[in-house]
Amino acid sequence: MPADVLTLFDLDNTLLPHDTEQLWVEFLIGERVLDPTDVARKSRDVTERYNRGEAAAIEFTEYYLALMAPHAMADLEALRARFIVERVRGRITPAARLLVDRHRAAGDWIVVTTAVFRFLAEPQAAEFGITDVIATEPEIVGDRFTGRVAGIANSREGKVERLREWLAERGQRIDAFRDIWVYADSINDLPLLSHATRPVAVNADPLLSATARHSGWPILMLG
């Protein structure tokens, strides 16, 4: 029998204490895969504008995807394996792991839903033992990223649309669950949080923090 409680976790700055794309770019610069000239500054700028709601999800994601387009998939996969071990695994807090484990022990259906593109989202979710992942899908031709997003970016209102589609593919509806937990850090996730019966602001940005206080939502710090 399917679980009657759906628990949705955002990834960046929620389960993880970092911005994945920015950390990935810093790693690639350190590996001399990317030229640091202007890249670090432009990455910070597009990330900050996205977090403020000023940059569109497509602009944000395609900026990072374009950086990987010149490189063969096999080379990127080898780098990704080292990235997870060297930069991600040690940053995950015990509190974040315990939170996931608590929902797992309760028998919830646990899903990561993130704007991060799948190439980086899936292995990070796997660090928590989570296999159900809704992520932004990159367009791939042959063995390379094209630098473009395939379909709808999994961000803002797109997270709700993608969730509905994902559930429908599995014979489920968003209104069929007894409870829906949503853990997220950003005002960008307000559309998804608005569909939760149990919304929780985690490491919240100022706008989401203010919204959570006004709405009486729990505010959680995972470090």
N, C-alpha and C. Protein backbone atom coordinates (compact mmCIF):
# COMPACT_ATOMS: atom_id res chain seq x y z
N MET A 1 0.85 -1.21 0.00
CA MET A 1 0.00 0.00 0.00
C MET A 1 0.89 1.25 0.00
N PRO A 2 0.64 2.22 -0.90
CA PRO A 2 1.47 3.42 -0.93
C PRO A 2 1.38 4.21 0.36
N ALA A 3 2.46 4.91 0.69
CA ALA A 3 2.46 5.76 1.88
C ALA A 3 1.41 6.85 1.73
N ASP A 4 0.77 7.20 2.86
CA ASP A 4 -0.23 8.27 2.79
C ASP A 4 0.33 9.62 3.23
N VAL A 5 1.64 9.65 3.53
CA VAL A 5 2.32 10.89 3.86
C VAL A 5 3.46 11.10 2.87
N LEU A 6 3.44 12.24 2.22
CA LEU A 6 4.48 12.60 1.27
C LEU A 6 5.38 13.65 1.91
N THR A 7 6.68 13.39 1.90
CA THR A 7 7.65 14.34 2.46
C THR A 7 8.58 14.80 1.36
N LEU A 8 8.57 16.10 1.11
CA LEU A 8 9.35 16.70 0.03
C LEU A 8 10.47 17.54 0.62
N PHE A 9 11.68 17.26 0.21
CA PHE A 9 12.84 18.02 0.66
C PHE A 9 13.45 18.80 -0.50
N ASP A 10 13.64 20.09 -0.31
CA ASP A 10 14.53 20.84 -1.19
C ASP A 10 15.95 20.36 -0.86
N LEU A 11 16.89 20.70 -1.74
CA LEU A 11 18.25 20.21 -1.56
C LEU A 11 19.18 21.33 -1.07
N ASP A 12 19.45 22.31 -1.92
CA ASP A 12 20.42 23.35 -1.58
C ASP A 12 19.95 24.21 -0.41
N ASN A 13 20.84 24.40 0.55
CA ASN A 13 20.58 25.22 1.74
C ASN A 13 19.41 24.71 2.57
N THR A 14 19.02 23.48 2.31
CA THR A 14 17.99 22.83 3.11
C THR A 14 18.59 21.55 3.67
N LEU A 15 18.59 20.46 2.90
CA LEU A 15 19.32 19.27 3.34
C LEU A 15 20.83 19.49 3.27
N LEU A 16 21.24 20.31 2.31
CA LEU A 16 22.67 20.59 2.13
C LEU A 16 22.96 22.03 2.55
N PRO A 17 24.12 22.27 3.14
CA PRO A 17 24.44 23.62 3.62
C PRO A 17 25.16 24.46 2.57
N HIS A 18 24.84 24.23 1.30
CA HIS A 18 25.54 24.95 0.24
C HIS A 18 24.67 25.08 -0.99
N ASP A 19 25.13 25.90 -1.92
CA ASP A 19 24.55 26.01 -3.25
C ASP A 19 25.34 25.08 -4.16
N THR A 20 24.68 24.06 -4.69
CA THR A 20 25.38 23.02 -5.43
C THR A 20 26.14 23.56 -6.63
N GLU A 21 25.45 24.33 -7.47
CA GLU A 21 26.12 24.80 -8.69
C GLU A 21 27.34 25.66 -8.39
N GLN A 22 27.22 26.51 -7.39
CA GLN A 22 28.35 27.36 -7.05
C GLN A 22 29.51 26.53 -6.49
N LEU A 23 29.20 25.56 -5.64
CA LEU A 23 30.25 24.69 -5.09
C LEU A 23 30.90 23.87 -6.21
N TRP A 24 30.10 23.42 -7.16
CA TRP A 24 30.60 22.64 -8.30
C TRP A 24 31.54 23.49 -9.16
N VAL A 25 31.15 24.73 -9.41
CA VAL A 25 32.00 25.63 -10.18
C VAL A 25 33.33 25.87 -9.46
N GLU A 26 33.28 26.08 -8.15
CA GLU A 26 34.51 26.28 -7.39
C GLU A 26 35.41 25.05 -7.48
N PHE A 27 34.79 23.86 -7.44
CA PHE A 27 35.54 22.62 -7.58
C PHE A 27 36.19 22.53 -8.96
N LEU A 28 35.44 22.84 -10.00
CA LEU A 28 35.98 22.76 -11.37
C LEU A 28 37.09 23.78 -11.60
N ILE A 29 36.97 24.93 -10.97
CA ILE A 29 38.05 25.91 -11.06
C ILE A 29 39.30 25.36 -10.38
N GLY A 30 39.13 24.76 -9.22
CA GLY A 30 40.25 24.17 -8.51
C GLY A 30 40.90 23.04 -9.29
N GLU A 31 40.12 22.34 -10.09
CA GLU A 31 40.63 21.25 -10.93
C GLU A 31 41.17 21.76 -12.27
N ARG A 32 41.10 23.06 -12.45
CA ARG A 32 41.55 23.72 -13.69
C ARG A 32 40.77 23.27 -14.91
N VAL A 33 39.54 22.87 -14.67
CA VAL A 33 38.62 22.55 -15.77
C VAL A 33 38.01 23.83 -16.30
N LEU A 34 37.77 24.79 -15.41
CA LEU A 34 37.24 26.10 -15.80
C LEU A 34 38.28 27.17 -15.53
N ASP A 35 38.29 28.16 -16.41
CA ASP A 35 39.15 29.32 -16.23
C ASP A 35 38.49 30.21 -15.18
N PRO A 36 39.22 30.55 -14.13
CA PRO A 36 38.60 31.34 -13.07
C PRO A 36 38.28 32.78 -13.47
N THR A 37 38.79 33.24 -14.59
CA THR A 37 38.56 34.62 -15.01
C THR A 37 37.08 34.88 -15.18
N ASP A 38 36.53 35.68 -14.33
CA ASP A 38 35.12 36.10 -14.35
C ASP A 38 34.12 35.00 -13.96
N VAL A 39 34.51 33.73 -14.00
CA VAL A 39 33.54 32.67 -13.75
C VAL A 39 33.01 32.73 -12.33
N ALA A 40 33.91 32.83 -11.35
CA ALA A 40 33.45 32.85 -9.95
C ALA A 40 32.54 34.05 -9.69
N ARG A 41 32.92 35.20 -10.22
CA ARG A 41 32.09 36.40 -10.01
C ARG A 41 30.73 36.25 -10.67
N LYS A 42 30.70 35.77 -11.91
CA LYS A 42 29.43 35.62 -12.63
C LYS A 42 28.56 34.56 -11.96
N SER A 43 29.19 33.51 -11.43
CA SER A 43 28.42 32.46 -10.75
C SER A 43 27.75 33.02 -9.50
N ARG A 44 28.50 33.79 -8.71
CA ARG A 44 27.91 34.39 -7.52
C ARG A 44 26.78 35.34 -7.89
N ASP A 45 26.98 36.11 -8.96
CA ASP A 45 25.98 37.10 -9.36
C ASP A 45 24.68 36.43 -9.77
N VAL A 46 24.76 35.40 -10.63
CA VAL A 46 23.53 34.76 -11.10
C VAL A 46 22.84 34.01 -9.95
N THR A 47 23.63 33.44 -9.03
CA THR A 47 23.04 32.74 -7.88
C THR A 47 22.33 33.72 -6.96
N GLU A 48 22.97 34.83 -6.67
CA GLU A 48 22.36 35.82 -5.78
C GLU A 48 21.10 36.42 -6.40
N ARG A 49 21.12 36.68 -7.71
CA ARG A 49 19.93 37.23 -8.37
C ARG A 49 18.81 36.22 -8.41
N TYR A 50 19.14 34.95 -8.60
CA TYR A 50 18.11 33.90 -8.58
C TYR A 50 17.50 33.79 -7.19
N ASN A 51 18.35 33.80 -6.15
CA ASN A 51 17.84 33.67 -4.78
C ASN A 51 16.95 34.84 -4.39
N ARG A 52 17.18 36.01 -5.00
CA ARG A 52 16.32 37.18 -4.74
C ARG A 52 15.09 37.19 -5.62
N GLY A 53 14.97 36.21 -6.51
CA GLY A 53 13.83 36.15 -7.41
C GLY A 53 13.95 37.04 -8.63
N GLU A 54 15.18 37.53 -8.91
CA GLU A 54 15.38 38.45 -10.02
C GLU A 54 15.80 37.74 -11.31
N ALA A 55 16.43 36.58 -11.19
CA ALA A 55 16.86 35.82 -12.37
C ALA A 55 15.90 34.66 -12.59
N ALA A 56 15.51 34.44 -13.83
CA ALA A 56 14.62 33.33 -14.16
C ALA A 56 15.32 32.01 -13.93
N ALA A 57 14.53 30.98 -13.63
CA ALA A 57 15.09 29.66 -13.38
C ALA A 57 15.87 29.16 -14.58
N ILE A 58 15.36 29.42 -15.79
CA ILE A 58 16.06 28.97 -16.99
C ILE A 58 17.41 29.66 -17.11
N GLU A 59 17.46 30.94 -16.87
CA GLU A 59 18.73 31.67 -16.94
C GLU A 59 19.73 31.10 -15.95
N PHE A 60 19.27 30.87 -14.73
CA PHE A 60 20.14 30.35 -13.67
C PHE A 60 20.72 29.00 -14.06
N THR A 61 19.86 28.07 -14.47
CA THR A 61 20.30 26.71 -14.75
C THR A 61 21.13 26.64 -16.02
N GLU A 62 20.71 27.33 -17.06
CA GLU A 62 21.44 27.24 -18.32
C GLU A 62 22.80 27.91 -18.26
N TYR A 63 22.97 28.87 -17.36
CA TYR A 63 24.30 29.44 -17.16
C TYR A 63 25.28 28.34 -16.74
N TYR A 64 24.88 27.54 -15.75
CA TYR A 64 25.76 26.49 -15.25
C TYR A 64 25.89 25.34 -16.24
N LEU A 65 24.81 24.98 -16.90
CA LEU A 65 24.89 23.91 -17.88
C LEU A 65 25.84 24.27 -19.02
N ALA A 66 25.83 25.53 -19.43
CA ALA A 66 26.71 25.96 -20.53
C ALA A 66 28.18 25.80 -20.17
N LEU A 67 28.52 25.92 -18.90
CA LEU A 67 29.91 25.76 -18.49
C LEU A 67 30.39 24.33 -18.70
N MET A 68 29.47 23.37 -18.69
CA MET A 68 29.85 21.97 -18.84
C MET A 68 29.76 21.46 -20.27
N ALA A 69 29.12 22.23 -21.14
CA ALA A 69 28.88 21.78 -22.50
C ALA A 69 30.15 21.39 -23.27
N PRO A 70 31.29 22.04 -23.07
CA PRO A 70 32.48 21.66 -23.84
C PRO A 70 33.12 20.35 -23.41
N HIS A 71 32.66 19.74 -22.33
CA HIS A 71 33.37 18.60 -21.74
C HIS A 71 32.59 17.30 -21.93
N ALA A 72 33.31 16.23 -22.22
CA ALA A 72 32.71 14.92 -22.43
C ALA A 72 32.10 14.40 -21.13
N MET A 73 31.00 13.67 -21.26
CA MET A 73 30.27 13.18 -20.09
C MET A 73 31.14 12.31 -19.20
N ALA A 74 31.96 11.43 -19.81
CA ALA A 74 32.79 10.55 -19.00
C ALA A 74 33.75 11.34 -18.11
N ASP A 75 34.30 12.41 -18.64
CA ASP A 75 35.20 13.25 -17.85
C ASP A 75 34.44 13.93 -16.71
N LEU A 76 33.24 14.42 -16.99
CA LEU A 76 32.44 15.08 -15.96
C LEU A 76 32.00 14.10 -14.89
N GLU A 77 31.68 12.88 -15.28
CA GLU A 77 31.26 11.87 -14.30
C GLU A 77 32.40 11.52 -13.35
N ALA A 78 33.62 11.44 -13.87
CA ALA A 78 34.77 11.16 -13.00
C ALA A 78 34.99 12.31 -12.02
N LEU A 79 34.84 13.53 -12.51
CA LEU A 79 34.97 14.69 -11.64
C LEU A 79 33.86 14.72 -10.60
N ARG A 80 32.65 14.37 -11.01
CA ARG A 80 31.51 14.37 -10.09
C ARG A 80 31.72 13.40 -8.93
N ALA A 81 32.27 12.23 -9.21
CA ALA A 81 32.51 11.25 -8.16
C ALA A 81 33.45 11.81 -7.10
N ARG A 82 34.48 12.51 -7.52
CA ARG A 82 35.41 13.12 -6.58
C ARG A 82 34.76 14.29 -5.86
N PHE A 83 33.94 15.04 -6.57
CA PHE A 83 33.22 16.18 -5.98
C PHE A 83 32.36 15.73 -4.80
N ILE A 84 31.63 14.64 -4.99
CA ILE A 84 30.76 14.15 -3.93
C ILE A 84 31.58 13.75 -2.70
N VAL A 85 32.67 13.05 -2.92
CA VAL A 85 33.49 12.57 -1.81
C VAL A 85 34.23 13.72 -1.13
N GLU A 86 34.81 14.62 -1.93
CA GLU A 86 35.71 15.64 -1.39
C GLU A 86 34.98 16.90 -0.92
N ARG A 87 33.87 17.25 -1.55
CA ARG A 87 33.24 18.53 -1.25
C ARG A 87 31.86 18.42 -0.61
N VAL A 88 31.15 17.33 -0.84
CA VAL A 88 29.76 17.24 -0.39
C VAL A 88 29.61 16.42 0.87
N ARG A 89 30.14 15.21 0.87
CA ARG A 89 29.84 14.24 1.94
C ARG A 89 30.16 14.79 3.32
N GLY A 90 31.29 15.42 3.48
CA GLY A 90 31.69 15.92 4.78
C GLY A 90 30.92 17.14 5.25
N ARG A 91 30.17 17.78 4.33
CA ARG A 91 29.41 18.98 4.68
C ARG A 91 28.00 18.66 5.19
N ILE A 92 27.54 17.46 4.97
CA ILE A 92 26.18 17.10 5.39
C ILE A 92 26.14 17.02 6.91
N THR A 93 25.19 17.70 7.52
CA THR A 93 25.13 17.75 8.98
C THR A 93 24.40 16.53 9.54
N PRO A 94 24.78 16.11 10.74
CA PRO A 94 24.03 15.03 11.40
C PRO A 94 22.55 15.36 11.55
N ALA A 95 22.23 16.64 11.78
CA ALA A 95 20.83 17.03 11.95
C ALA A 95 20.03 16.77 10.67
N ALA A 96 20.65 17.03 9.52
CA ALA A 96 19.96 16.78 8.24
C ALA A 96 19.72 15.29 8.04
N ARG A 97 20.71 14.49 8.35
CA ARG A 97 20.55 13.03 8.20
C ARG A 97 19.47 12.51 9.15
N LEU A 98 19.46 13.01 10.37
CA LEU A 98 18.48 12.56 11.35
C LEU A 98 17.06 12.93 10.94
N LEU A 99 16.91 14.11 10.33
CA LEU A 99 15.58 14.54 9.88
C LEU A 99 15.04 13.59 8.81
N VAL A 100 15.88 13.26 7.84
CA VAL A 100 15.46 12.32 6.80
C VAL A 100 15.15 10.96 7.42
N ASP A 101 16.01 10.51 8.31
CA ASP A 101 15.81 9.20 8.93
C ASP A 101 14.51 9.15 9.73
N ARG A 102 14.15 10.27 10.35
CA ARG A 102 12.90 10.32 11.12
C ARG A 102 11.69 10.10 10.22
N HIS A 103 11.69 10.74 9.07
CA HIS A 103 10.58 10.56 8.13
C HIS A 103 10.59 9.16 7.51
N ARG A 104 11.78 8.65 7.28
CA ARG A 104 11.88 7.28 6.74
C ARG A 104 11.32 6.28 7.75
N ALA A 105 11.67 6.46 9.03
CA ALA A 105 11.18 5.55 10.07
C ALA A 105 9.66 5.63 10.22
N ALA A 106 9.09 6.80 9.91
CA ALA A 106 7.63 6.97 9.99
C ALA A 106 6.91 6.34 8.80
N GLY A 107 7.68 5.89 7.80
CA GLY A 107 7.08 5.26 6.63
C GLY A 107 6.65 6.24 5.56
N ASP A 108 7.11 7.49 5.63
CA ASP A 108 6.74 8.49 4.63
C ASP A 108 7.35 8.16 3.27
N TRP A 109 6.71 8.66 2.24
CA TRP A 109 7.28 8.62 0.89
C TRP A 109 8.16 9.86 0.76
N ILE A 110 9.47 9.65 0.69
CA ILE A 110 10.43 10.75 0.71
C ILE A 110 10.93 11.05 -0.69
N VAL A 111 10.82 12.32 -1.06
CA VAL A 111 11.23 12.76 -2.40
C VAL A 111 12.06 14.03 -2.27
N VAL A 112 13.16 14.08 -2.98
CA VAL A 112 13.90 15.34 -3.13
C VAL A 112 13.36 16.05 -4.36
N THR A 113 13.02 17.32 -4.21
CA THR A 113 12.60 18.13 -5.35
C THR A 113 13.45 19.38 -5.36
N THR A 114 14.21 19.58 -6.42
CA THR A 114 15.25 20.60 -6.44
C THR A 114 15.42 21.22 -7.81
N ALA A 115 15.82 22.49 -7.80
CA ALA A 115 16.15 23.18 -9.05
C ALA A 115 17.48 22.72 -9.61
N VAL A 116 18.30 22.07 -8.80
CA VAL A 116 19.60 21.57 -9.24
C VAL A 116 19.38 20.58 -10.39
N PHE A 117 20.24 20.63 -11.41
CA PHE A 117 20.06 19.70 -12.52
C PHE A 117 20.44 18.28 -12.09
N ARG A 118 19.77 17.31 -12.71
CA ARG A 118 19.81 15.92 -12.25
C ARG A 118 21.22 15.37 -12.09
N PHE A 119 22.12 15.75 -12.96
CA PHE A 119 23.49 15.24 -12.94
C PHE A 119 24.12 15.41 -11.56
N LEU A 120 23.81 16.52 -10.88
CA LEU A 120 24.35 16.77 -9.55
C LEU A 120 23.35 16.49 -8.44
N ALA A 121 22.07 16.50 -8.75
CA ALA A 121 21.05 16.30 -7.72
C ALA A 121 20.99 14.84 -7.26
N GLU A 122 20.99 13.90 -8.19
CA GLU A 122 20.81 12.49 -7.82
C GLU A 122 21.90 11.96 -6.89
N PRO A 123 23.18 12.19 -7.19
CA PRO A 123 24.18 11.63 -6.27
C PRO A 123 24.18 12.28 -4.90
N GLN A 124 23.75 13.53 -4.80
CA GLN A 124 23.66 14.15 -3.48
C GLN A 124 22.47 13.61 -2.70
N ALA A 125 21.34 13.41 -3.36
CA ALA A 125 20.19 12.79 -2.69
C ALA A 125 20.54 11.38 -2.23
N ALA A 126 21.35 10.68 -3.03
CA ALA A 126 21.75 9.32 -2.67
C ALA A 126 22.56 9.27 -1.39
N GLU A 127 23.22 10.37 -1.04
CA GLU A 127 23.96 10.43 0.23
C GLU A 127 23.03 10.29 1.43
N PHE A 128 21.75 10.60 1.22
CA PHE A 128 20.75 10.44 2.29
C PHE A 128 19.95 9.15 2.11
N GLY A 129 20.31 8.35 1.11
CA GLY A 129 19.54 7.15 0.83
C GLY A 129 18.23 7.43 0.12
N ILE A 130 18.12 8.59 -0.52
CA ILE A 130 16.89 8.98 -1.23
C ILE A 130 17.07 8.71 -2.72
N THR A 131 16.18 7.91 -3.28
CA THR A 131 16.27 7.56 -4.70
C THR A 131 15.23 8.27 -5.55
N ASP A 132 14.17 8.77 -4.93
CA ASP A 132 13.13 9.49 -5.69
C ASP A 132 13.52 10.97 -5.76
N VAL A 133 13.84 11.41 -6.97
CA VAL A 133 14.36 12.76 -7.16
C VAL A 133 13.64 13.43 -8.33
N ILE A 134 13.08 14.60 -8.07
CA ILE A 134 12.56 15.46 -9.13
C ILE A 134 13.54 16.61 -9.26
N ALA A 135 14.14 16.73 -10.43
CA ALA A 135 15.19 17.72 -10.63
C ALA A 135 15.01 18.40 -11.98
N THR A 136 15.75 19.45 -12.19
CA THR A 136 15.77 20.07 -13.51
C THR A 136 16.52 19.15 -14.46
N GLU A 137 15.94 18.90 -15.62
CA GLU A 137 16.51 17.95 -16.56
C GLU A 137 17.35 18.68 -17.62
N PRO A 138 18.64 18.36 -17.72
CA PRO A 138 19.46 18.98 -18.75
C PRO A 138 19.28 18.28 -20.10
N GLU A 139 19.37 19.04 -21.15
CA GLU A 139 19.34 18.44 -22.48
C GLU A 139 20.71 17.86 -22.77
N ILE A 140 20.72 16.62 -23.26
CA ILE A 140 21.97 15.92 -23.58
C ILE A 140 21.87 15.41 -25.01
N VAL A 141 22.88 15.67 -25.80
CA VAL A 141 22.98 15.16 -27.16
C VAL A 141 24.31 14.42 -27.27
N GLY A 142 24.22 13.14 -27.62
CA GLY A 142 25.44 12.34 -27.65
C GLY A 142 25.96 12.17 -26.24
N ASP A 143 27.21 12.55 -26.03
CA ASP A 143 27.79 12.42 -24.69
C ASP A 143 28.09 13.77 -24.07
N ARG A 144 27.31 14.79 -24.47
CA ARG A 144 27.57 16.13 -23.96
C ARG A 144 26.27 16.86 -23.60
N PHE A 145 26.38 17.72 -22.59
CA PHE A 145 25.30 18.65 -22.31
C PHE A 145 25.28 19.71 -23.40
N THR A 146 24.08 20.11 -23.78
CA THR A 146 23.97 21.17 -24.79
C THR A 146 24.05 22.56 -24.16
N GLY A 147 23.83 22.62 -22.85
CA GLY A 147 23.75 23.91 -22.18
C GLY A 147 22.32 24.40 -22.03
N ARG A 148 21.37 23.59 -22.48
CA ARG A 148 19.96 23.97 -22.38
C ARG A 148 19.20 23.02 -21.45
N VAL A 149 18.08 23.50 -20.94
CA VAL A 149 17.20 22.71 -20.09
C VAL A 149 16.20 21.97 -20.97
N ALA A 150 15.93 20.71 -20.64
CA ALA A 150 14.90 19.93 -21.33
C ALA A 150 13.60 20.04 -20.53
N GLY A 151 12.58 20.59 -21.16
CA GLY A 151 11.29 20.72 -20.48
C GLY A 151 11.25 21.89 -19.51
N ILE A 152 10.49 21.72 -18.44
CA ILE A 152 10.26 22.79 -17.47
C ILE A 152 11.31 22.72 -16.36
N ALA A 153 11.94 23.83 -16.06
CA ALA A 153 12.87 23.86 -14.94
C ALA A 153 12.10 23.57 -13.64
N ASN A 154 12.70 22.78 -12.77
CA ASN A 154 12.04 22.40 -11.52
C ASN A 154 12.28 23.49 -10.48
N SER A 155 11.62 24.60 -10.68
CA SER A 155 11.82 25.77 -9.82
C SER A 155 10.55 26.57 -9.74
N ARG A 156 10.33 27.23 -8.59
CA ARG A 156 9.17 28.10 -8.38
C ARG A 156 7.90 27.36 -8.74
N GLU A 157 7.03 27.95 -9.57
CA GLU A 157 5.77 27.28 -9.93
C GLU A 157 6.03 25.97 -10.66
N GLY A 158 7.18 25.88 -11.32
CA GLY A 158 7.53 24.64 -12.02
C GLY A 158 7.65 23.45 -11.10
N LYS A 159 7.99 23.68 -9.83
CA LYS A 159 8.07 22.56 -8.90
C LYS A 159 6.70 21.92 -8.67
N VAL A 160 5.67 22.73 -8.63
CA VAL A 160 4.32 22.20 -8.43
C VAL A 160 3.88 21.43 -9.68
N GLU A 161 4.12 22.03 -10.85
CA GLU A 161 3.73 21.37 -12.10
C GLU A 161 4.46 20.05 -12.29
N ARG A 162 5.77 20.08 -12.04
CA ARG A 162 6.56 18.85 -12.19
C ARG A 162 6.15 17.80 -11.17
N LEU A 163 5.81 18.21 -9.95
CA LEU A 163 5.36 17.25 -8.93
C LEU A 163 4.07 16.58 -9.35
N ARG A 164 3.13 17.37 -9.85
CA ARG A 164 1.86 16.79 -10.31
C ARG A 164 2.10 15.76 -11.41
N GLU A 165 2.96 16.10 -12.36
CA GLU A 165 3.26 15.18 -13.46
C GLU A 165 3.95 13.92 -12.94
N TRP A 166 4.90 14.11 -12.04
CA TRP A 166 5.66 12.97 -11.50
C TRP A 166 4.75 12.02 -10.74
N LEU A 167 3.85 12.56 -9.93
CA LEU A 167 2.91 11.72 -9.19
C LEU A 167 1.94 11.01 -10.13
N ALA A 168 1.47 11.74 -11.14
CA ALA A 168 0.52 11.14 -12.08
C ALA A 168 1.14 9.95 -12.80
N GLU A 169 2.41 10.04 -13.11
CA GLU A 169 3.10 8.92 -13.76
C GLU A 169 3.14 7.69 -12.86
N ARG A 170 2.95 7.89 -11.57
CA ARG A 170 2.98 6.80 -10.60
C ARG A 170 1.59 6.51 -10.04
N GLY A 171 0.57 7.03 -10.73
CA GLY A 171 -0.81 6.76 -10.35
C GLY A 171 -1.25 7.45 -9.09
N GLN A 172 -0.62 8.60 -8.76
CA GLN A 172 -0.94 9.32 -7.54
C GLN A 172 -1.38 10.75 -7.85
N ARG A 173 -2.04 11.38 -6.87
CA ARG A 173 -2.45 12.78 -6.99
C ARG A 173 -1.97 13.54 -5.76
N ILE A 174 -1.68 14.79 -5.94
CA ILE A 174 -1.16 15.59 -4.85
C ILE A 174 -2.18 15.75 -3.73
N ASP A 175 -3.47 15.68 -4.06
CA ASP A 175 -4.51 15.86 -3.04
C ASP A 175 -4.93 14.54 -2.40
N ALA A 176 -4.23 13.46 -2.71
CA ALA A 176 -4.61 12.15 -2.18
C ALA A 176 -3.89 11.79 -0.88
N PHE A 177 -2.92 12.62 -0.48
CA PHE A 177 -2.13 12.30 0.70
C PHE A 177 -2.77 12.88 1.96
N ARG A 178 -2.65 12.14 3.04
CA ARG A 178 -3.16 12.61 4.33
C ARG A 178 -2.37 13.83 4.80
N ASP A 179 -1.06 13.79 4.60
CA ASP A 179 -0.20 14.90 4.95
C ASP A 179 0.86 15.08 3.88
N ILE A 180 1.24 16.33 3.66
CA ILE A 180 2.37 16.63 2.79
C ILE A 180 3.31 17.56 3.54
N TRP A 181 4.49 17.06 3.86
CA TRP A 181 5.53 17.88 4.46
C TRP A 181 6.37 18.49 3.33
N VAL A 182 6.70 19.75 3.45
CA VAL A 182 7.64 20.40 2.52
C VAL A 182 8.67 21.14 3.34
N TYR A 183 9.93 20.81 3.12
CA TYR A 183 11.05 21.48 3.76
C TYR A 183 11.80 22.28 2.69
N ALA A 184 11.91 23.59 2.89
CA ALA A 184 12.56 24.43 1.89
C ALA A 184 13.13 25.68 2.55
N ASP A 185 14.08 26.30 1.86
CA ASP A 185 14.79 27.44 2.44
C ASP A 185 14.48 28.77 1.79
N SER A 186 13.89 28.76 0.61
CA SER A 186 13.85 29.98 -0.21
C SER A 186 12.44 30.43 -0.52
N ILE A 187 12.28 31.73 -0.69
CA ILE A 187 11.00 32.28 -1.13
C ILE A 187 10.63 31.74 -2.50
N ASN A 188 11.62 31.26 -3.26
CA ASN A 188 11.33 30.64 -4.55
C ASN A 188 10.47 29.39 -4.41
N ASP A 189 10.48 28.79 -3.22
CA ASP A 189 9.70 27.58 -2.99
C ASP A 189 8.32 27.85 -2.41
N LEU A 190 7.92 29.10 -2.35
CA LEU A 190 6.61 29.42 -1.79
C LEU A 190 5.47 28.71 -2.52
N PRO A 191 5.48 28.61 -3.86
CA PRO A 191 4.38 27.88 -4.51
C PRO A 191 4.25 26.44 -4.02
N LEU A 192 5.37 25.76 -3.82
CA LEU A 192 5.31 24.38 -3.33
C LEU A 192 4.91 24.34 -1.86
N LEU A 193 5.48 25.23 -1.06
CA LEU A 193 5.13 25.28 0.36
C LEU A 193 3.64 25.54 0.56
N SER A 194 3.04 26.28 -0.36
CA SER A 194 1.61 26.60 -0.26
C SER A 194 0.72 25.38 -0.45
N HIS A 195 1.27 24.30 -1.02
CA HIS A 195 0.51 23.07 -1.21
C HIS A 195 0.73 22.08 -0.07
N ALA A 196 1.57 22.45 0.90
CA ALA A 196 1.87 21.53 2.00
C ALA A 196 0.83 21.65 3.11
N THR A 197 0.53 20.54 3.74
CA THR A 197 -0.24 20.59 4.98
C THR A 197 0.69 20.89 6.14
N ARG A 198 1.98 20.58 5.95
CA ARG A 198 2.99 20.82 6.99
C ARG A 198 4.22 21.48 6.38
N PRO A 199 4.12 22.78 6.09
CA PRO A 199 5.27 23.49 5.53
C PRO A 199 6.28 23.82 6.63
N VAL A 200 7.57 23.67 6.30
CA VAL A 200 8.63 23.97 7.26
C VAL A 200 9.70 24.79 6.54
N ALA A 201 10.02 25.96 7.09
CA ALA A 201 11.09 26.79 6.55
C ALA A 201 12.40 26.35 7.19
N VAL A 202 13.37 26.00 6.35
CA VAL A 202 14.65 25.49 6.84
C VAL A 202 15.77 26.43 6.42
N ASN A 203 16.56 26.88 7.38
CA ASN A 203 17.67 27.80 7.06
C ASN A 203 17.15 28.92 6.15
N ALA A 204 16.04 29.47 6.49
CA ALA A 204 15.25 30.29 5.57
C ALA A 204 15.92 31.62 5.23
N ASP A 205 15.73 32.03 3.96
CA ASP A 205 16.16 33.37 3.56
C ASP A 205 15.23 34.39 4.21
N PRO A 206 15.60 35.68 4.20
CA PRO A 206 14.79 36.67 4.94
C PRO A 206 13.32 36.73 4.51
N LEU A 207 13.06 36.62 3.21
CA LEU A 207 11.68 36.71 2.75
C LEU A 207 10.86 35.50 3.19
N LEU A 208 11.43 34.31 3.07
CA LEU A 208 10.70 33.12 3.51
C LEU A 208 10.56 33.11 5.02
N SER A 209 11.60 33.56 5.72
CA SER A 209 11.51 33.62 7.18
C SER A 209 10.36 34.51 7.63
N ALA A 210 10.22 35.66 6.98
CA ALA A 210 9.13 36.58 7.32
C ALA A 210 7.78 35.95 7.01
N THR A 211 7.68 35.27 5.86
CA THR A 211 6.44 34.60 5.48
C THR A 211 6.09 33.50 6.48
N ALA A 212 7.10 32.73 6.89
CA ALA A 212 6.88 31.64 7.82
C ALA A 212 6.39 32.16 9.18
N ARG A 213 7.01 33.23 9.65
CA ARG A 213 6.58 33.81 10.93
C ARG A 213 5.15 34.32 10.84
N HIS A 214 4.83 34.99 9.73
CA HIS A 214 3.47 35.53 9.55
C HIS A 214 2.44 34.40 9.47
N SER A 215 2.83 33.28 8.84
CA SER A 215 1.89 32.17 8.63
C SER A 215 1.89 31.17 9.77
N GLY A 216 2.81 31.34 10.72
CA GLY A 216 2.88 30.40 11.83
C GLY A 216 3.52 29.09 11.48
N TRP A 217 4.35 29.06 10.43
CA TRP A 217 5.04 27.83 10.05
C TRP A 217 6.25 27.61 10.94
N PRO A 218 6.61 26.37 11.20
CA PRO A 218 7.86 26.10 11.92
C PRO A 218 9.07 26.61 11.14
N ILE A 219 10.06 27.08 11.87
CA ILE A 219 11.33 27.51 11.27
C ILE A 219 12.43 26.66 11.88
N LEU A 220 13.16 25.97 11.03
CA LEU A 220 14.15 25.00 11.48
C LEU A 220 15.53 25.39 10.98
N MET A 221 16.53 25.27 11.83
CA MET A 221 17.92 25.49 11.43
C MET A 221 18.64 24.15 11.47
N LEU A 222 19.17 23.74 10.33
CA LEU A 222 19.91 22.47 10.25
C LEU A 222 21.41 22.69 10.26
N GLY A 223 21.86 23.95 10.36
CA GLY A 223 23.29 24.24 10.42
C GLY A 223 23.91 24.29 9.04
